[in-house]
C-alpha cells in the first residue's frame, strides 16, 4: 500500500503545474511520518531535494518555510541533506524565498545548537546583510531571526 501511495506522490511531485508541486513538501512531511525507517525515508528524500531545487520560487519557498518540520521528520538526514539544501535557499535568487529562509534561521539552529553548526551558518547569514543583500524585507526577516539565535548560542558558544 505504501509503495502505491509513494508512486502517486512521485507523479504529483513532478507535475508540470507548480500549484500541484507546492503541496509536495507537506506530502513529504506526512509520508515521512508514516514510516520512520531509513529505507522508506530514503525514498522520499529525493523529492525534498527536488523541491529545494525546483524551477518555481513558490515550491522553493515551501521548502524553506517548512525546513524545521523536515529536519524533525528526517532526523537522521537533517544535517547531511536538509540543512545544506536550506543553506542554498538562504542565497536563492528570489527575495520571497530568502525572506522566509531568513525567518527560519533560529528554528534550524535550535535543531543542532553546537558551535560548529552555528559557525557553518554564519557565512550564509553574513550574505543576508548589506551591501550584499539589498532587499529590506530579507534584512528585516534576518533581524527578527537573529534575536532567536541568542538562546541557542548563549555565552558558552562564544
Protein backbone atom coordinates (compact mmCIF):
# COMPACT_ATOMS: atom_id res chain seq x y z
CA UNK A 1 0.00 0.00 0.00
CA UNK A 2 2.76 2.47 0.92
CA UNK A 3 4.61 1.82 -2.34
CA UNK A 4 1.45 2.59 -4.34
CA UNK A 5 1.00 5.80 -2.36
CA UNK A 6 4.62 6.74 -2.99
CA UNK A 7 4.20 6.13 -6.73
CA UNK A 8 1.22 8.51 -6.91
CA UNK A 9 3.09 11.06 -4.82
CA UNK A 10 6.13 10.94 -7.11
CA UNK A 11 3.94 11.64 -10.14
CA UNK A 12 2.30 14.61 -8.43
CA UNK A 13 5.66 15.95 -7.22
CA UNK A 14 6.78 16.10 -10.86
CA UNK A 15 3.57 17.65 -12.20
CA UNK A 16 4.05 20.50 -14.66
CA UNK A 17 1.82 22.82 -12.60
CA UNK A 18 3.65 24.47 -9.72
CA UNK A 19 0.34 24.75 -7.86
CA UNK A 20 0.43 20.94 -7.62
CA UNK A 21 4.16 20.73 -6.80
CA UNK A 22 3.76 23.28 -3.98
CA UNK A 23 1.99 20.59 -1.96
CA UNK A 24 4.89 18.17 -2.33
CA UNK A 25 6.76 19.40 0.77
CA UNK A 26 3.73 18.92 3.01
CA UNK A 27 3.32 15.49 1.45
CA UNK A 28 6.99 14.69 2.11
CA UNK A 29 6.47 15.56 5.77
CA UNK A 30 3.29 13.47 6.01
CA UNK A 31 4.84 10.50 4.21
CA UNK A 32 7.98 10.72 6.31
CA UNK A 33 5.86 10.46 9.45
CA UNK A 34 4.13 7.31 8.15
CA UNK A 35 7.27 5.23 8.43
CA UNK A 36 10.45 6.39 10.18
CA UNK A 37 12.61 3.62 8.71
CA UNK A 38 15.70 4.69 6.81
CA UNK A 39 14.65 2.64 3.77
CA UNK A 40 11.30 4.44 3.50
CA UNK A 41 12.71 7.88 4.15
CA UNK A 42 15.48 7.36 1.58
CA UNK A 43 12.71 7.03 -1.00
CA UNK A 44 11.18 10.37 -0.03
CA UNK A 45 14.35 12.47 0.31
CA UNK A 46 14.87 12.82 -3.46
CA UNK A 47 11.51 14.63 -3.59
CA UNK A 48 12.66 17.00 -0.85
CA UNK A 49 15.80 17.73 -2.87
CA UNK A 50 13.73 18.23 -5.99
CA UNK A 51 11.53 20.77 -4.20
CA UNK A 52 14.54 22.69 -2.90
CA UNK A 53 15.87 22.95 -6.46
CA UNK A 54 12.52 23.43 -8.22
CA UNK A 55 12.25 25.98 -11.02
CA UNK A 56 9.27 27.61 -9.28
CA UNK A 57 10.15 30.00 -6.47
CA UNK A 58 6.84 29.10 -4.79
CA UNK A 59 7.93 25.47 -4.40
CA UNK A 60 11.34 26.53 -3.05
CA UNK A 61 9.52 28.92 -0.69
CA UNK A 62 7.53 25.99 0.75
CA UNK A 63 10.75 24.07 1.29
CA UNK A 64 12.30 26.99 3.20
CA UNK A 65 9.12 27.62 5.15
CA UNK A 66 8.90 24.00 6.32
CA UNK A 67 12.59 23.33 6.95
CA UNK A 68 12.15 22.76 10.68
CA UNK A 69 9.45 20.13 10.19
CA UNK A 70 11.55 18.44 7.51
CA UNK A 71 14.52 18.27 9.88
CA UNK A 72 12.33 16.81 12.61
CA UNK A 73 10.84 14.15 10.35
CA UNK A 74 14.10 13.24 8.60
CA UNK A 75 16.29 13.47 11.71
CA UNK A 76 18.96 11.06 10.52
CA UNK A 77 19.48 13.13 7.34
CA UNK A 78 18.80 16.60 8.72
CA UNK A 79 22.39 17.82 8.90
CA UNK A 80 23.65 15.96 5.83
CA UNK A 81 20.73 16.61 3.42
CA UNK A 82 18.06 19.04 4.65
CA UNK A 83 20.29 21.76 6.14
CA UNK A 84 22.62 22.01 3.10
CA UNK A 85 19.54 22.43 0.89
CA UNK A 86 18.26 25.09 3.28
CA UNK A 87 21.59 26.95 3.22
CA UNK A 88 21.30 27.19 -0.57
CA UNK A 89 17.82 28.68 -0.15
CA UNK A 90 19.28 31.43 2.04
CA UNK A 91 21.07 32.57 -1.13
CA UNK A 92 18.15 31.96 -3.50
CA UNK A 93 17.63 34.32 -6.43
CA UNK A 94 14.09 35.20 -5.28
CA UNK A 95 13.54 37.68 -2.46
CA UNK A 96 10.49 35.80 -1.15
CA UNK A 97 12.49 32.61 -0.70
CA UNK A 98 15.38 34.38 1.03
CA UNK A 99 12.92 36.22 3.28
CA UNK A 100 11.23 33.09 4.59
CA UNK A 101 14.53 31.22 4.80
CA UNK A 102 15.99 34.05 6.91
CA UNK A 103 12.96 33.90 9.18
CA UNK A 104 13.65 30.20 9.89
CA UNK A 105 17.32 30.57 10.89
CA UNK A 106 16.73 30.35 14.64
CA UNK A 107 14.47 27.31 14.24
CA UNK A 108 17.12 25.50 12.21
CA UNK A 109 19.90 26.50 14.62
CA UNK A 110 17.87 25.18 17.57
CA UNK A 111 17.88 21.72 15.99
CA UNK A 112 21.67 21.47 16.29
CA UNK A 113 22.89 24.16 18.70
CA UNK A 114 26.57 23.26 18.51
CA UNK A 115 29.28 25.85 18.00
CA UNK A 116 30.37 24.10 14.77
CA UNK A 117 26.87 24.16 13.34
CA UNK A 118 26.34 27.82 14.19
CA UNK A 119 29.69 28.63 12.59
CA UNK A 120 28.56 26.84 9.42
CA UNK A 121 25.50 29.13 9.32
CA UNK A 122 27.48 32.35 9.65
CA UNK A 123 28.66 32.73 6.01
CA UNK A 124 25.06 32.38 4.79
CA UNK A 125 23.82 34.81 7.41
CA UNK A 126 26.53 37.33 6.52
CA UNK A 127 25.43 37.29 2.87
CA UNK A 128 21.99 38.47 4.00
CA UNK A 129 23.34 41.80 5.25
CA UNK A 130 24.31 44.99 3.42
CA UNK A 131 25.95 45.53 1.00
CA UNK A 132 25.28 42.06 -0.46
CA UNK A 133 21.57 41.88 0.42
CA UNK A 134 19.66 44.82 -0.97
CA UNK A 135 16.15 43.69 -0.01
CA UNK A 136 14.89 45.37 3.13
CA UNK A 137 12.39 42.52 3.59
CA UNK A 138 15.15 39.92 3.76
CA UNK A 139 17.21 42.03 6.14
CA UNK A 140 14.18 42.65 8.37
CA UNK A 141 13.40 38.95 8.43
CA UNK A 142 17.00 38.20 9.33
CA UNK A 143 16.96 40.83 12.09
CA UNK A 144 13.95 39.18 13.67
CA UNK A 145 15.51 35.75 13.41
CA UNK A 146 18.94 36.67 14.75
CA UNK A 147 17.43 37.51 18.13
CA UNK A 148 16.14 33.94 18.23
CA UNK A 149 19.72 32.68 17.99
CA UNK A 150 20.70 34.03 21.39
CA UNK A 151 19.18 31.17 23.46
CA UNK A 152 20.83 28.72 21.05
CA UNK A 153 24.27 30.27 21.06
CA UNK A 154 24.47 31.80 24.53
CA UNK A 155 27.71 32.87 26.21
CA UNK A 156 29.16 29.33 26.24
CA UNK A 157 29.47 29.16 22.47
CA UNK A 158 31.36 32.44 22.06
